[in-house]
Each structure stands twice: as structure tokens, then as C-alpha cells.
Amino acid sequence: MSDPTPKRSWKSWLKLAAKIVIFLVVIAGVWYNVAHAVKDMQTHGDSVGPIQWGWLIVAGIIYAAASVPMASYWYCVLRALGQQPSYGRALRAFFIGHLGKYVPGKAMVVVLRTSLIQGEHVEKTAAVVAVFIETLTMVAVGAAYSGVIVAGLFREQAVLLAVAVGLGLCAGIPTLPPIFRKVVVLLRVTRLNPRLEDHLQGLNYRLMFIGWGAYFLAWTLMGVSYLAAMQAIPGAAAVGNPWLNLPLLIAAVGLAMVAGFVSLLPGGFGIRELILMQLTSPVFGRPVAVVAAVLLRVSWMVAEIVISIILYVLPFAFSRRKEPDAAVDESVPTPPIAR
């Protein structure tokens, strides 16, 4: 009698092994960042007074809220590329994919997001292209937003201004729809998926403006999150009206995260904190600036881990979608493909 239990093929075992390896690598990357953050906290924590941990929870919640417009824009890009994911599934893939940035090279972000979103209604190559569009938009808006603030508040910081302008141009020009379409064609990505060239026609200036608006909101909220983290430190809370320092904190977060991303270091560790401390030390003092940079990383990392765990263990609730023959949701129309 034949065994009724189906045996796994070698491909199934290979996929399982790859998932385990990816999981272990991500855990190692997160642990590396946590260990260094704790070490810095132990070094400088005694000089700033007792930490108000409630404010860190607020900072993490605001950061989570800032991630929603980012994920929403990625969903819009997928739809513009002719894909049909559910919003919940796109949100789930985006948040879990965030953990990939704690692995050297940042490629794990692409791996995690595409593996979680691809399927019957989403092509792998289109998902990869969507990740690059969303990432370039993030860098472009962050650099441009920070550059404007630096130009207005820190004119003497010529190096930082030059870096912001340079990064903004390098990331912003490729996000222009005609240029991005040509880049994808020149890279011969369309050879992997002949339909991709048609899908790319869905990228237009309307989508680009949506992305810039979404990331303007996201970067502003991340600055507010940094402000909340600052309020957790007694020394920082005593520095005048905290809202007057919001432009400074937005610029610091924008430049720090963009530079950390470009560095390809796990989570931008070291580079991010260096820029945060460089810009905030003159106002808050070095001890407060150091501790605030560490607290910001910890609060954001905890928020990412908690949300990722919740979304990972609830795949069905966040991945369900209507069947193809169900009524079409007219609230989010798929952009027409120009031919």
C-alpha cells in the first residue's frame, strides 16, 4: 500500500532551509543592533537623569503611524504596475520587510517583501521594481526635505547641505517616471518578465506626487517621534518649547536615515547616530544627544519587531482578498496602461 502522506520534494526542503536561514540572519542583525544600543545606553545613561519610558512608547507608536503612508505608497506602486494585492497583504509584507534592513547590504528587505507579497496576483519582478521605486522615493524626499530645513536653519553647515542636495538629486532623478522606465529597460529586467515593460507604463507623475506627499507626511511624523523620544530625557525636556525644535529633529532624522541607508551598514548603525548627535548636540548637549539617538533606535526597533510579530502570526487576517469574480473595489482603481 502506498504511503498516503505526500513527501516533500528537494525544492520544498530547499525553500524551507532558505526561510530558516533568512530568519536566523535577520535575528542576528537585530540582536547586533540591540546589543550595541544597550552598551551605549549604559555608557551615557547616568548623566541625563531617569528616563521617562512612557514617552518612548509614544515615540514607537508615532513611528508605526509614520510607516503607514510608506506602506500605502508601496501598495499604490504595486497597483500602478498592474498587480492586484490586497491592502492588508501589502501592509504585512512592508512591515515585516523592515526587519531586513538590519542585515548587511539591505538586500534582505527586497527578499522579505517580495517573498511575502508575490503570488497569483503579484508577479515577483513587479514586486522587486516596486520596492526600488518606494525606496528611491523615500531617499529623495528625506534628502530634499532635510536639505530645505538645513538651508534655512543651518546655513553654516555647508557639508551637510551639499550631502542633502546630492542625495536628493541622485535619488530623485531616477524616480521621474520616464527615466525610471528607461533605467529598467536598460538593465534588461524586462527580459525576466516580458509583461513588465507594459506594466511600467502605469508609472506616471500623479503616482510620483502621491509618493512625495506620503513621504512628506512620513518624515514629519518621524520627526515628531524623535521629539517624543527627546521628552523621555529630563535634560532635553527642560530645553524651552519642544515644538520649536521640531524642524531640527525632522532634518536630523531625515539626513541620518538617508545616510544610514546609503552606508549599507545594518540598520545604518553608527552613521545614523553620528548625524543625529552632530545636529542635536549644540541645542541639547552631547550627553542628551547621545542618549536620545540610542533611545530613538530602541523605540523604533521595538515597534518594528512587535508589529512584525503581530502581522506574521496573523497572515490570514491580513492576506485575505476578494476572489477574481467578486465585485471590483472601485475605491482604488488600477491606473490604465498607456499603449
Protein backbone atom coordinates (compact mmCIF):
# COMPACT_ATOMS: atom_id res chain seq x y z
CA MET A 1 0.00 0.00 0.00
CA SER A 2 1.38 3.39 -0.92
CA ASP A 3 2.02 5.99 1.74
CA PRO A 4 -0.88 8.50 1.65
CA THR A 5 1.33 11.21 3.16
CA PRO A 6 2.91 13.28 0.33
CA LYS A 7 6.67 13.54 0.53
CA ARG A 8 8.41 16.85 0.30
CA SER A 9 10.44 17.41 -2.85
CA TRP A 10 14.01 18.66 -2.64
CA LYS A 11 12.77 22.08 -3.78
CA SER A 12 10.38 22.26 -0.84
CA TRP A 13 13.17 21.37 1.56
CA LEU A 14 15.40 23.97 -0.09
CA LYS A 15 12.76 26.67 0.32
CA LEU A 16 12.26 25.72 3.97
CA ALA A 17 16.02 25.84 4.59
CA ALA A 18 16.24 29.24 2.89
CA LYS A 19 13.45 30.62 5.09
CA ILE A 20 15.20 29.34 8.22
CA VAL A 21 18.49 30.90 7.14
CA ILE A 22 16.79 34.23 6.37
CA PHE A 23 15.07 34.16 9.76
CA LEU A 24 18.35 33.47 11.60
CA VAL A 25 20.21 36.18 9.68
CA VAL A 26 17.52 38.75 10.46
CA ILE A 27 17.52 37.79 14.15
CA ALA A 28 21.32 38.12 14.24
CA GLY A 29 21.13 41.57 12.63
CA VAL A 30 18.52 42.79 15.10
CA TRP A 31 20.47 41.36 18.05
CA TYR A 32 23.64 43.13 16.88
CA ASN A 33 21.84 46.48 16.90
CA VAL A 34 20.16 45.87 20.26
CA ALA A 35 23.44 44.85 21.92
CA HIS A 36 25.25 47.99 20.74
CA ALA A 37 22.33 50.22 21.70
CA VAL A 38 22.27 48.80 25.23
CA LYS A 39 26.04 49.30 25.53
CA ASP A 40 25.77 52.97 24.55
CA MET A 41 22.86 53.44 26.93
CA GLN A 42 24.87 52.03 29.82
CA THR A 43 27.75 54.36 28.98
CA HIS A 44 25.81 57.63 28.88
CA GLY A 45 22.54 56.96 30.69
CA ASP A 46 23.63 58.05 34.19
CA SER A 47 24.44 61.63 33.10
CA VAL A 48 20.95 62.64 31.91
CA GLY A 49 18.66 61.56 34.73
CA PRO A 50 15.88 58.93 34.93
CA ILE A 51 14.32 58.01 31.59
CA GLN A 52 10.57 58.54 31.19
CA TRP A 53 9.73 55.25 29.47
CA GLY A 54 6.15 56.26 28.68
CA TRP A 55 7.43 58.79 26.16
CA LEU A 56 9.36 56.02 24.39
CA ILE A 57 6.14 54.07 23.94
CA VAL A 58 4.61 57.20 22.41
CA ALA A 59 7.65 57.54 20.12
CA GLY A 60 7.24 53.95 18.94
CA ILE A 61 3.52 54.41 18.26
CA ILE A 62 4.16 57.58 16.23
CA TYR A 63 6.87 55.79 14.25
CA ALA A 64 4.43 52.98 13.47
CA ALA A 65 1.95 55.60 12.28
CA ALA A 66 4.67 57.13 10.08
CA SER A 67 5.19 53.76 8.40
CA VAL A 68 1.56 53.56 7.25
CA PRO A 69 1.86 56.20 4.47
CA MET A 70 5.07 54.49 3.33
CA ALA A 71 3.34 51.13 3.07
CA SER A 72 0.34 52.74 1.42
CA TYR A 73 2.55 54.26 -1.27
CA TRP A 74 4.18 50.88 -1.93
CA TYR A 75 0.71 49.44 -2.36
CA CYS A 76 -0.12 52.23 -4.84
CA VAL A 77 3.05 51.44 -6.80
CA LEU A 78 2.12 47.76 -6.98
CA ARG A 79 -1.33 48.67 -8.28
CA ALA A 80 0.19 51.08 -10.81
CA LEU A 81 2.36 48.20 -12.06
CA GLY A 82 -0.78 46.18 -12.78
CA GLN A 83 -0.61 43.98 -9.68
CA GLN A 84 -3.61 43.10 -7.53
CA PRO A 85 -2.53 42.55 -3.91
CA SER A 86 -4.87 43.20 -1.03
CA TYR A 87 -4.00 46.27 1.04
CA GLY A 88 -3.61 44.13 4.16
CA ARG A 89 -1.16 41.79 2.47
CA ALA A 90 0.90 44.72 1.17
CA LEU A 91 0.93 46.28 4.64
CA ARG A 92 2.04 42.98 6.18
CA ALA A 93 4.87 42.48 3.67
CA PHE A 94 6.06 46.06 4.10
CA PHE A 95 6.28 45.99 7.89
CA ILE A 96 7.92 42.56 8.11
CA GLY A 97 10.30 43.54 5.32
CA HIS A 98 11.50 46.43 7.50
CA LEU A 99 13.48 43.94 9.60
CA GLY A 100 15.65 43.17 6.57
CA LYS A 101 17.44 46.49 6.96
CA TYR A 102 19.26 45.12 10.00
CA VAL A 103 21.12 42.71 7.71
CA PRO A 104 24.24 44.00 5.87
CA GLY A 105 23.62 45.17 2.33
CA LYS A 106 19.87 45.89 2.70
CA ALA A 107 19.08 43.19 0.10
CA MET A 108 17.12 41.26 2.71
CA VAL A 109 14.43 43.96 2.58
CA VAL A 110 13.78 43.05 -1.05
CA VAL A 111 13.87 39.32 -0.27
CA LEU A 112 11.41 39.55 2.61
CA ARG A 113 8.95 41.88 0.92
CA THR A 114 8.82 40.03 -2.40
CA SER A 115 8.57 36.61 -0.76
CA LEU A 116 5.59 37.78 1.31
CA ILE A 117 3.74 39.62 -1.47
CA GLN A 118 4.34 37.52 -4.59
CA GLY A 119 1.71 35.03 -5.63
CA GLU A 120 -1.14 34.51 -8.03
CA HIS A 121 -1.98 38.23 -8.11
CA VAL A 122 1.55 39.70 -7.79
CA GLU A 123 4.49 38.95 -10.07
CA LYS A 124 7.90 38.72 -8.43
CA THR A 125 9.69 41.09 -10.84
CA ALA A 126 6.97 43.72 -10.44
CA ALA A 127 7.26 43.46 -6.64
CA VAL A 128 11.03 43.96 -6.83
CA VAL A 129 10.61 47.01 -9.07
CA ALA A 130 8.02 48.41 -6.64
CA VAL A 131 10.49 48.06 -3.75
CA PHE A 132 13.11 50.08 -5.63
CA ILE A 133 10.62 52.80 -6.59
CA GLU A 134 9.41 53.13 -3.00
CA THR A 135 12.96 53.15 -1.62
CA LEU A 136 14.23 55.77 -4.06
CA THR A 137 11.24 57.96 -3.23
CA MET A 138 11.98 57.60 0.49
CA VAL A 139 15.59 58.71 0.00
CA ALA A 140 14.70 61.53 -2.39
CA VAL A 141 12.02 63.06 -0.17
CA GLY A 142 14.06 62.60 3.01
CA ALA A 143 17.11 64.29 1.48
CA ALA A 144 15.11 67.10 -0.13
CA TYR A 145 13.04 67.79 3.00
CA SER A 146 16.14 67.82 5.20
CA GLY A 147 18.05 69.94 2.69
CA VAL A 148 15.41 72.67 2.76
CA ILE A 149 15.47 72.76 6.57
CA VAL A 150 19.28 72.75 6.73
CA ALA A 151 19.39 75.57 4.18
CA GLY A 152 17.05 77.62 6.34
CA LEU A 153 18.39 76.85 9.82
CA PHE A 154 21.99 75.71 9.38
CA ARG A 155 23.47 77.68 6.51
CA GLU A 156 26.90 77.32 8.06
CA GLN A 157 26.64 73.52 7.70
CA ALA A 158 27.78 73.58 4.07
CA VAL A 159 28.85 69.92 4.08
CA LEU A 160 25.50 68.66 5.34
CA LEU A 161 23.65 70.86 2.86
CA ALA A 162 25.79 69.57 -0.01
CA VAL A 163 25.21 65.98 1.08
CA ALA A 164 21.44 66.52 1.29
CA VAL A 165 21.28 68.15 -2.14
CA GLY A 166 23.49 65.46 -3.69
CA LEU A 167 21.49 62.59 -2.22
CA GLY A 168 18.22 64.24 -3.16
CA LEU A 169 19.28 64.64 -6.79
CA CYS A 170 20.81 61.14 -7.06
CA ALA A 171 17.67 59.51 -5.67
CA GLY A 172 15.10 61.95 -7.02
CA ILE A 173 16.05 61.95 -10.71
CA PRO A 174 15.56 58.17 -11.12
CA THR A 175 12.06 58.48 -9.60
CA LEU A 176 10.92 60.56 -12.58
CA PRO A 177 8.62 58.10 -14.42
CA PRO A 178 10.18 58.39 -17.92
CA ILE A 179 13.70 58.00 -16.55
CA PHE A 180 12.85 55.08 -14.28
CA ARG A 181 11.17 53.22 -17.13
CA LYS A 182 14.26 53.66 -19.30
CA VAL A 183 16.56 52.51 -16.48
CA VAL A 184 14.57 49.29 -16.01
CA VAL A 185 14.69 48.61 -19.75
CA LEU A 186 18.44 49.35 -19.95
CA LEU A 187 19.08 46.98 -17.05
CA ARG A 188 17.24 44.31 -19.07
CA VAL A 189 14.98 43.47 -16.17
CA THR A 190 12.18 43.11 -18.71
CA ARG A 191 13.89 40.00 -20.06
CA LEU A 192 12.87 38.24 -16.84
CA ASN A 193 9.25 39.26 -17.37
CA PRO A 194 8.16 40.38 -20.87
CA ARG A 195 4.98 41.90 -19.41
CA LEU A 196 6.93 44.22 -17.15
CA GLU A 197 7.53 46.82 -19.85
CA ASP A 198 3.77 47.22 -20.28
CA HIS A 199 3.31 47.34 -16.52
CA LEU A 200 5.82 50.19 -16.28
CA GLN A 201 3.52 52.42 -18.31
CA GLY A 202 1.38 52.70 -15.18
CA LEU A 203 4.10 54.82 -13.56
CA ASN A 204 3.19 58.48 -14.02
CA TYR A 205 3.69 61.86 -12.40
CA ARG A 206 0.46 61.54 -10.42
CA LEU A 207 1.88 58.47 -8.71
CA MET A 208 5.16 60.29 -8.08
CA PHE A 209 3.33 63.21 -6.43
CA ILE A 210 1.39 60.76 -4.27
CA GLY A 211 4.71 59.27 -3.15
CA TRP A 212 6.22 62.64 -2.33
CA GLY A 213 3.13 63.62 -0.35
CA ALA A 214 3.10 60.32 1.52
CA TYR A 215 6.76 60.63 2.45
CA PHE A 216 6.45 64.29 3.42
CA LEU A 217 3.89 63.12 5.99
CA ALA A 218 6.02 60.13 6.99
CA TRP A 219 9.20 62.16 7.56
CA THR A 220 7.25 64.75 9.55
CA LEU A 221 5.82 62.05 11.82
CA MET A 222 9.27 60.53 12.28
CA GLY A 223 10.50 63.94 13.43
CA VAL A 224 7.60 64.07 15.91
CA SER A 225 8.60 60.58 17.08
CA TYR A 226 12.13 61.86 17.71
CA LEU A 227 10.60 64.77 19.64
CA ALA A 228 8.71 62.28 21.84
CA ALA A 229 11.94 60.33 22.43
CA MET A 230 13.61 63.59 23.46
CA GLN A 231 10.85 64.22 26.00
CA ALA A 232 11.80 60.95 27.68
CA ILE A 233 15.05 62.59 28.83
CA PRO A 234 14.76 65.14 31.67
CA GLY A 235 17.66 67.21 30.32
CA ALA A 236 16.04 67.55 26.89
CA ALA A 237 12.56 68.22 28.25
CA ALA A 238 13.92 71.30 30.04
CA VAL A 239 15.12 72.96 26.79
CA GLY A 240 12.36 75.52 26.07
CA ASN A 241 9.35 74.86 23.83
CA PRO A 242 9.91 71.39 22.33
CA TRP A 243 7.86 72.16 19.18
CA LEU A 244 10.28 74.92 18.22
CA ASN A 245 12.93 72.22 17.77
CA LEU A 246 10.76 70.05 15.51
CA PRO A 247 12.30 71.29 12.21
CA LEU A 248 15.75 70.48 13.60
CA LEU A 249 14.67 66.98 14.58
CA ILE A 250 12.99 66.34 11.21
CA ALA A 251 16.17 67.36 9.39
CA ALA A 252 18.32 65.26 11.73
CA VAL A 253 16.16 62.15 11.27
CA GLY A 254 15.97 62.61 7.50
CA LEU A 255 19.70 63.04 6.95
CA ALA A 256 20.58 60.33 9.48
CA MET A 257 18.32 57.68 7.96
CA VAL A 258 19.23 58.51 4.37
CA ALA A 259 22.95 58.43 5.16
CA GLY A 260 22.49 55.21 7.13
CA PHE A 261 20.71 53.64 4.17
CA VAL A 262 23.42 54.67 1.72
CA SER A 263 26.13 53.32 4.04
CA LEU A 264 24.69 49.77 3.65
CA LEU A 265 25.55 49.12 7.31
CA PRO A 266 22.99 47.00 9.24
CA GLY A 267 20.27 49.46 10.20
CA GLY A 268 22.67 52.31 9.39
CA PHE A 269 24.19 51.65 12.81
CA GLY A 270 26.79 54.24 13.80
CA ILE A 271 26.24 56.55 10.84
CA ARG A 272 22.69 57.34 11.89
CA GLU A 273 23.63 58.07 15.49
CA LEU A 274 26.62 60.18 14.42
CA ILE A 275 24.48 62.56 12.35
CA LEU A 276 21.74 62.73 14.98
CA MET A 277 24.30 63.68 17.62
CA GLN A 278 26.08 66.15 15.32
CA LEU A 279 22.91 68.14 14.65
CA THR A 280 21.29 67.99 18.10
CA SER A 281 24.32 68.39 20.39
CA PRO A 282 24.53 72.21 20.01
CA VAL A 283 20.94 72.56 21.27
CA PHE A 284 20.56 69.73 23.81
CA GLY A 285 24.16 68.97 24.83
CA ARG A 286 26.19 65.89 23.94
CA PRO A 287 25.02 63.52 26.74
CA VAL A 288 21.36 64.13 25.88
CA ALA A 289 22.06 63.87 22.14
CA VAL A 290 23.81 60.51 22.56
CA VAL A 291 21.12 59.00 24.78
CA ALA A 292 18.31 60.35 22.60
CA ALA A 293 19.85 58.77 19.49
CA VAL A 294 20.05 55.41 21.27
CA LEU A 295 16.53 55.67 22.69
CA LEU A 296 15.16 56.53 19.25
CA ARG A 297 16.75 53.43 17.75
CA VAL A 298 15.46 51.22 20.57
CA SER A 299 11.90 52.56 20.42
CA TRP A 300 11.73 52.21 16.63
CA MET A 301 13.26 48.76 16.68
CA VAL A 302 10.85 47.53 19.35
CA ALA A 303 7.92 48.96 17.37
CA GLU A 304 9.09 47.19 14.19
CA ILE A 305 9.57 43.87 15.98
CA VAL A 306 6.23 43.97 17.80
CA ILE A 307 4.25 44.93 14.68
CA SER A 308 6.10 42.36 12.55
CA ILE A 309 5.34 39.59 15.03
CA ILE A 310 1.66 40.54 15.13
CA LEU A 311 1.38 40.66 11.34
CA TYR A 312 3.37 37.47 10.89
CA VAL A 313 1.21 35.37 13.20
CA LEU A 314 -1.99 36.74 11.68
CA PRO A 315 -1.36 36.02 7.97
CA PHE A 316 -4.93 35.15 7.10
CA ALA A 317 -6.44 38.26 8.61
CA PHE A 318 -4.06 40.47 6.63
CA SER A 319 -3.80 38.47 3.42
CA ARG A 320 -7.43 37.78 2.51
CA ARG A 321 -8.70 39.32 -0.71
CA LYS A 322 -11.76 39.04 -2.91
CA GLU A 323 -11.94 36.28 -5.45
CA PRO A 324 -11.39 37.34 -9.09
CA ASP A 325 -15.11 37.07 -9.87
CA ALA A 326 -16.12 39.22 -6.91
CA ALA A 327 -17.16 42.83 -7.26
CA VAL A 328 -14.24 45.10 -8.06
CA ASP A 329 -13.29 47.62 -5.42
CA GLU A 330 -13.72 50.94 -7.19
CA SER A 331 -12.13 52.91 -4.35
CA VAL A 332 -8.61 52.02 -5.50
CA PRO A 333 -8.70 51.87 -9.30
CA THR A 334 -5.85 50.34 -11.23
CA PRO A 335 -4.17 53.00 -13.38
CA PRO A 336 -4.74 52.38 -17.11
CA ILE A 337 -1.82 51.20 -19.17
CA ALA A 338 -0.98 53.59 -21.97
CA ARG A 339 -0.09 51.91 -25.22
